[in-house]
Amino acid sequence: MLELRPNCECCDTDLPPSAENALICSFECTFCATCAEQKLLGFCPNCGGELLRRPRRPANKLQNAPASTRRVVAAQTC
């Protein structure tokens, strides 16, 4: 199950579970669309994998499968 991390690893922008502008790599590194497009050119700085739109978890499923609250910020890689 996806963690649904709560923020962009570059700029620390909030990315709630319903965010349409969240992108992830296959290791779930998470970035906002602005950083992914403008700074990272569509590739994860951690693994080199492509960044794709993160699926949204339906609100009625969040109670039993909540999103992560652990914030990851690695601005030095951006």
N, C-alpha and C. Protein backbone atom coordinates (compact mmCIF):
# COMPACT_ATOMS: atom_id res chain seq x y z
N MET A 1 0.84 -1.16 0.00
CA MET A 1 0.00 0.00 0.00
C MET A 1 0.90 1.24 0.00
N LEU A 2 0.53 2.24 -0.77
CA LEU A 2 1.30 3.48 -0.83
C LEU A 2 1.24 4.24 0.49
N GLU A 3 2.36 4.86 0.84
CA GLU A 3 2.42 5.65 2.07
C GLU A 3 1.61 6.94 1.97
N LEU A 4 1.55 7.52 0.79
CA LEU A 4 0.95 8.84 0.59
C LEU A 4 1.63 9.87 1.50
N ARG A 5 2.90 10.09 1.23
CA ARG A 5 3.67 11.04 2.04
C ARG A 5 3.05 12.43 1.94
N PRO A 6 3.14 13.20 3.04
CA PRO A 6 2.37 14.44 3.15
C PRO A 6 2.99 15.70 2.56
N ASN A 7 4.19 15.57 1.92
CA ASN A 7 4.84 16.80 1.45
C ASN A 7 5.79 16.52 0.30
N CYS A 8 6.20 17.62 -0.35
CA CYS A 8 7.20 17.57 -1.41
C CYS A 8 8.58 17.50 -0.75
N GLU A 9 9.40 16.59 -1.21
CA GLU A 9 10.73 16.43 -0.64
C GLU A 9 11.65 17.61 -0.98
N CYS A 10 11.33 18.37 -2.01
CA CYS A 10 12.16 19.52 -2.39
C CYS A 10 11.78 20.79 -1.63
N CYS A 11 10.53 21.19 -1.74
CA CYS A 11 10.12 22.50 -1.22
C CYS A 11 9.24 22.42 0.02
N ASP A 12 8.92 21.22 0.46
CA ASP A 12 8.10 20.97 1.66
C ASP A 12 6.66 21.44 1.52
N THR A 13 6.19 21.64 0.31
CA THR A 13 4.78 21.97 0.08
C THR A 13 3.91 20.83 0.58
N ASP A 14 2.80 21.14 1.21
CA ASP A 14 1.86 20.12 1.66
C ASP A 14 1.23 19.41 0.47
N LEU A 15 1.16 18.10 0.56
CA LEU A 15 0.52 17.29 -0.47
C LEU A 15 -0.43 16.30 0.21
N PRO A 16 -1.64 16.74 0.51
CA PRO A 16 -2.61 15.86 1.18
C PRO A 16 -2.96 14.67 0.29
N PRO A 17 -3.60 13.66 0.85
CA PRO A 17 -3.94 12.47 0.07
C PRO A 17 -4.75 12.77 -1.19
N SER A 18 -5.49 13.86 -1.20
CA SER A 18 -6.32 14.19 -2.37
C SER A 18 -5.60 15.09 -3.37
N ALA A 19 -4.32 15.40 -3.13
CA ALA A 19 -3.58 16.32 -4.01
C ALA A 19 -3.48 15.78 -5.43
N GLU A 20 -3.82 16.63 -6.38
CA GLU A 20 -3.71 16.26 -7.79
C GLU A 20 -2.32 16.59 -8.34
N ASN A 21 -1.52 17.33 -7.58
CA ASN A 21 -0.22 17.76 -8.05
C ASN A 21 0.94 17.00 -7.40
N ALA A 22 0.66 15.81 -6.86
CA ALA A 22 1.70 14.99 -6.23
C ALA A 22 2.23 13.98 -7.24
N LEU A 23 3.54 13.88 -7.33
CA LEU A 23 4.18 12.90 -8.20
C LEU A 23 5.11 12.04 -7.38
N ILE A 24 5.24 10.76 -7.77
CA ILE A 24 6.09 9.83 -7.04
C ILE A 24 6.92 9.00 -8.01
N CYS A 25 8.02 8.44 -7.49
CA CYS A 25 8.80 7.46 -8.24
C CYS A 25 8.40 6.07 -7.72
N SER A 26 9.06 5.04 -8.20
CA SER A 26 8.69 3.69 -7.78
C SER A 26 9.08 3.40 -6.33
N PHE A 27 9.93 4.25 -5.72
CA PHE A 27 10.28 4.10 -4.31
C PHE A 27 9.45 5.03 -3.42
N GLU A 28 8.46 5.70 -4.01
CA GLU A 28 7.54 6.61 -3.33
C GLU A 28 8.16 7.93 -2.89
N CYS A 29 9.34 8.27 -3.43
CA CYS A 29 9.84 9.63 -3.21
C CYS A 29 8.76 10.53 -3.77
N THR A 30 8.43 11.59 -3.07
CA THR A 30 7.25 12.39 -3.40
C THR A 30 7.63 13.84 -3.65
N PHE A 31 7.09 14.39 -4.74
CA PHE A 31 7.39 15.77 -5.14
C PHE A 31 6.14 16.45 -5.66
N CYS A 32 6.10 17.77 -5.53
CA CYS A 32 5.00 18.52 -6.12
C CYS A 32 5.26 18.65 -7.62
N ALA A 33 4.23 18.93 -8.38
CA ALA A 33 4.36 19.03 -9.83
C ALA A 33 5.33 20.13 -10.23
N THR A 34 5.34 21.23 -9.52
CA THR A 34 6.23 22.34 -9.86
C THR A 34 7.69 21.91 -9.76
N CYS A 35 8.08 21.32 -8.64
CA CYS A 35 9.46 20.87 -8.48
C CYS A 35 9.79 19.75 -9.47
N ALA A 36 8.86 18.81 -9.65
CA ALA A 36 9.09 17.69 -10.55
C ALA A 36 9.35 18.16 -11.98
N GLU A 37 8.60 19.15 -12.42
CA GLU A 37 8.72 19.63 -13.79
C GLU A 37 9.86 20.63 -13.96
N GLN A 38 9.94 21.61 -13.07
CA GLN A 38 10.88 22.71 -13.26
C GLN A 38 12.28 22.42 -12.73
N LYS A 39 12.41 21.73 -11.63
CA LYS A 39 13.72 21.47 -11.04
C LYS A 39 14.27 20.10 -11.40
N LEU A 40 13.39 19.10 -11.43
CA LEU A 40 13.83 17.72 -11.58
C LEU A 40 13.66 17.15 -12.98
N LEU A 41 12.98 17.91 -13.84
CA LEU A 41 12.76 17.52 -15.24
C LEU A 41 12.14 16.13 -15.38
N GLY A 42 11.28 15.78 -14.41
CA GLY A 42 10.51 14.54 -14.50
C GLY A 42 11.20 13.30 -13.96
N PHE A 43 12.38 13.47 -13.33
CA PHE A 43 13.11 12.31 -12.82
C PHE A 43 13.45 12.49 -11.34
N CYS A 44 13.38 11.41 -10.60
CA CYS A 44 13.67 11.42 -9.17
C CYS A 44 15.16 11.66 -8.94
N PRO A 45 15.53 12.62 -8.10
CA PRO A 45 16.94 12.88 -7.85
C PRO A 45 17.59 11.79 -6.97
N ASN A 46 16.77 10.98 -6.33
CA ASN A 46 17.28 9.94 -5.44
C ASN A 46 17.62 8.65 -6.19
N CYS A 47 16.75 8.23 -7.10
CA CYS A 47 16.95 6.95 -7.78
C CYS A 47 17.08 7.08 -9.29
N GLY A 48 16.72 8.23 -9.84
CA GLY A 48 16.79 8.42 -11.29
C GLY A 48 15.56 7.94 -12.03
N GLY A 49 14.59 7.39 -11.30
CA GLY A 49 13.36 6.90 -11.92
C GLY A 49 12.43 8.03 -12.35
N GLU A 50 11.50 7.70 -13.22
CA GLU A 50 10.56 8.71 -13.68
C GLU A 50 9.54 9.04 -12.59
N LEU A 51 9.07 10.26 -12.61
CA LEU A 51 8.05 10.71 -11.66
C LEU A 51 6.70 10.70 -12.35
N LEU A 52 5.75 10.02 -11.72
CA LEU A 52 4.40 9.89 -12.26
C LEU A 52 3.39 10.37 -11.23
N ARG A 53 2.20 10.71 -11.71
CA ARG A 53 1.14 11.20 -10.83
C ARG A 53 0.82 10.15 -9.77
N ARG A 54 0.77 10.60 -8.53
CA ARG A 54 0.44 9.70 -7.42
C ARG A 54 -1.07 9.47 -7.41
N PRO A 55 -1.51 8.22 -7.30
CA PRO A 55 -2.94 7.96 -7.22
C PRO A 55 -3.52 8.54 -5.94
N ARG A 56 -4.77 8.92 -6.00
CA ARG A 56 -5.45 9.45 -4.81
C ARG A 56 -6.22 8.32 -4.15
N ARG A 57 -6.16 8.28 -2.83
CA ARG A 57 -6.92 7.28 -2.07
C ARG A 57 -8.29 7.89 -1.77
N PRO A 58 -9.36 7.16 -2.04
CA PRO A 58 -10.70 7.68 -1.74
C PRO A 58 -10.82 8.05 -0.26
N ALA A 59 -11.49 9.14 0.01
CA ALA A 59 -11.63 9.65 1.38
C ALA A 59 -12.22 8.59 2.32
N ASN A 60 -13.14 7.77 1.84
CA ASN A 60 -13.76 6.77 2.72
C ASN A 60 -12.80 5.63 3.06
N LYS A 61 -11.66 5.54 2.40
CA LYS A 61 -10.67 4.51 2.70
C LYS A 61 -9.56 5.01 3.63
N LEU A 62 -9.47 6.32 3.82
CA LEU A 62 -8.41 6.89 4.64
C LEU A 62 -8.53 6.55 6.12
N GLN A 63 -9.74 6.28 6.59
CA GLN A 63 -9.92 5.96 8.00
C GLN A 63 -9.20 4.65 8.37
N ASN A 64 -9.33 3.65 7.52
CA ASN A 64 -8.70 2.36 7.79
C ASN A 64 -7.31 2.23 7.19
N ALA A 65 -6.99 3.10 6.25
CA ALA A 65 -5.67 3.08 5.60
C ALA A 65 -5.19 4.53 5.48
N PRO A 66 -4.80 5.13 6.61
CA PRO A 66 -4.44 6.55 6.61
C PRO A 66 -3.14 6.84 5.87
N ALA A 67 -3.03 8.07 5.41
CA ALA A 67 -1.80 8.54 4.76
C ALA A 67 -0.71 8.70 5.81
N SER A 68 0.51 8.67 5.37
CA SER A 68 1.66 8.86 6.26
C SER A 68 1.67 10.30 6.79
N THR A 69 2.21 10.47 7.97
CA THR A 69 2.40 11.81 8.54
C THR A 69 3.88 12.16 8.62
N ARG A 70 4.74 11.23 8.20
CA ARG A 70 6.19 11.44 8.26
C ARG A 70 6.61 12.33 7.09
N ARG A 71 7.14 13.50 7.42
CA ARG A 71 7.59 14.44 6.41
C ARG A 71 9.05 14.15 6.05
N VAL A 72 9.33 14.11 4.75
CA VAL A 72 10.69 13.91 4.26
C VAL A 72 11.06 15.15 3.47
N VAL A 73 12.16 15.77 3.84
CA VAL A 73 12.65 16.95 3.11
C VAL A 73 14.12 16.72 2.81
N ALA A 74 14.45 16.70 1.55
CA ALA A 74 15.83 16.49 1.12
C ALA A 74 16.20 17.56 0.09
N ALA A 75 16.04 18.80 0.48
CA ALA A 75 16.24 19.94 -0.43
C ALA A 75 17.61 19.91 -1.09
N GLN A 76 18.61 19.35 -0.45
CA GLN A 76 19.95 19.35 -1.03
C GLN A 76 20.01 18.54 -2.33
N THR A 77 19.09 17.59 -2.53
CA THR A 77 19.09 16.81 -3.76
C THR A 77 18.35 17.52 -4.88
N CYS A 78 17.67 18.59 -4.57
CA CYS A 78 16.91 19.33 -5.57
C CYS A 78 17.72 20.49 -6.09
